[in-house]
Structure formats: C-alpha cells, structure tokens
Protein backbone atom coordinates (compact mmCIF):
# COMPACT_ATOMS: atom_id res chain seq x y z
CA MET A 1 0.18 0.12 0.09
CA THR A 2 1.43 3.52 -0.89
CA ILE A 3 1.84 5.96 1.42
CA GLN A 4 -0.40 7.85 -0.24
CA PHE A 5 -3.34 5.40 -0.62
CA GLN A 6 -2.88 5.17 3.08
CA SER A 7 -2.61 8.70 3.68
CA LEU A 8 -6.16 8.94 1.76
CA LEU A 9 -7.48 6.51 3.98
CA SER A 10 -6.88 8.32 7.34
CA SER A 11 -8.43 11.01 5.96
CA MET A 12 -11.15 9.49 5.28
CA ALA A 13 -11.62 8.00 8.48
CA GLY A 14 -14.63 9.72 10.49
CA VAL A 15 -15.87 11.93 7.47
CA PRO A 16 -19.24 12.33 8.05
CA VAL A 17 -22.52 11.87 5.84
CA LEU A 18 -23.35 15.44 4.64
CA SER A 19 -26.88 15.01 3.24
CA GLY A 20 -27.17 17.17 0.32
CA ALA A 21 -23.68 18.00 -0.28
CA ARG A 22 -23.37 19.76 -3.50
CA CYS A 23 -19.68 18.40 -3.80
CA ARG A 24 -21.24 15.39 -4.73
CA GLY A 25 -19.94 13.50 -8.21
CA ARG A 26 -18.17 16.44 -8.45
CA HIS A 27 -14.54 16.18 -6.30
CA HIS A 28 -12.47 16.56 -9.47
CA LEU A 29 -13.38 20.44 -8.82
CA PHE A 30 -12.17 20.53 -5.33
CA ASP A 31 -8.82 18.09 -4.99
CA GLU A 32 -5.98 19.64 -3.85
CA ALA A 33 -3.50 20.86 -7.48
CA ALA A 34 -1.71 18.34 -8.99
CA ALA A 35 1.95 17.98 -8.65
CA ASP A 36 1.86 18.63 -12.98
CA GLU A 37 -1.35 20.78 -13.40
CA GLN A 38 -0.71 24.38 -14.54
CA GLN A 39 -2.05 27.07 -11.39
CA HIS A 40 -4.21 28.66 -13.67
CA VAL A 41 -6.73 25.49 -13.88
CA THR A 42 -5.76 24.12 -10.00
CA ALA A 43 -7.72 28.38 -9.78
CA ALA A 44 -10.30 27.38 -12.06
CA ARG A 45 -11.23 25.14 -10.54
CA HIS A 46 -11.29 25.69 -6.91
CA ALA A 47 -12.83 29.32 -8.11
CA GLN A 48 -15.85 27.41 -8.80
CA ALA A 49 -15.81 24.92 -6.52
CA LEU A 50 -16.05 28.05 -4.41
CA ARG A 51 -19.26 28.96 -5.78
CA ILE A 52 -20.64 25.80 -5.06
CA CYS A 53 -20.33 25.47 -1.72
CA GLN A 54 -21.32 29.00 -0.97
CA SER A 55 -24.96 27.76 -2.28
CA CYS A 56 -24.22 23.76 -0.59
CA PRO A 57 -27.35 23.28 2.35
CA ALA A 58 -24.68 21.48 4.16
CA LEU A 59 -21.72 24.17 4.55
CA ALA A 60 -22.58 24.28 8.31
CA ALA A 61 -21.90 20.76 8.82
CA CYS A 62 -18.76 20.72 7.03
CA THR A 63 -17.82 23.48 8.33
CA GLY A 64 -18.39 21.75 11.37
CA TRP A 65 -16.29 18.92 10.83
CA VAL A 66 -13.62 20.54 9.10
CA ASP A 67 -13.27 22.58 12.28
CA SER A 68 -13.05 19.47 14.61
CA LEU A 69 -10.23 18.36 13.31
CA ALA A 70 -6.66 19.26 13.76
CA ALA A 71 -5.28 21.92 11.35
CA SER A 72 -2.70 18.98 10.55
CA LYS A 73 -5.18 16.27 9.33
CA ARG A 74 -7.55 18.83 7.56
CA PRO A 75 -7.27 17.35 3.28
CA PRO A 76 -6.05 19.17 1.25
CA GLY A 77 -8.27 20.58 -1.22
CA VAL A 78 -11.91 23.20 -1.35
CA ILE A 79 -13.86 22.02 1.68
CA ALA A 80 -16.37 24.25 3.87
CA GLY A 81 -16.54 26.75 1.37
CA ARG A 82 -12.20 27.07 1.63
CA ILE A 83 -8.57 26.05 0.12
CA ILE A 84 -6.65 24.38 2.22
CA THR A 85 -3.05 22.99 1.74
CA GLN A 86 -0.82 21.10 2.89
CA ARG A 87 1.36 21.69 5.07
CA LYS A 88 4.32 20.25 4.93
CA GLU A 89 6.18 19.63 8.21
CA ARG A 90 9.66 20.04 9.17
CA ARG A 91 11.75 17.54 9.23
CA SER A 92 14.95 17.90 12.60
CA ALA A 93 18.71 17.85 11.80
C-alpha cells in the first residue's frame, strides 16, 4: 500500500455523511492541485468549487466537521468554502 493511499484512507476515517452536499460527484473540482497542473487551471477549478460551496445546504455541517479536525489532519483542497493546503512537516536536523 502506498503512503499516499494510506494517507487517503486515514483522512477518510470519520468523514461525515453530508446530506445534500453539492460536491458529490464533483471531486475533481475540489481536489488539491496536481503536481503537473498549471496554476491557472487549479485556480479556475477551485473558484468553481468555492461557488458551489456558497450555496450548499451541507455547508454548516461540513464547516463543523473540518473545524473539528486538527489543522494537520485537514484534507487538502476546497472544503467547507475554503482552500486548505497541505503543510509540509519540518524535519529536524
């Protein structure tokens, strides 16, 4: 199992069922930037995702869930009407 897949499984644990969530089936808009993705493409996707979040009936529940997570456990991408970036952990020398 790859580290990336393990991280995904770990981040999915405890994800709530958000009735009426408008992001369902549109994960490609909400995903973090791919390593080879041009910045303007990511920005356009995320702008569309943010607009979807604004009118989502599950926004309050989604916000409550993401806010309950430690910052280091929040999945990257657009979540609860905001863009979350992955923080690189510092290595001690």
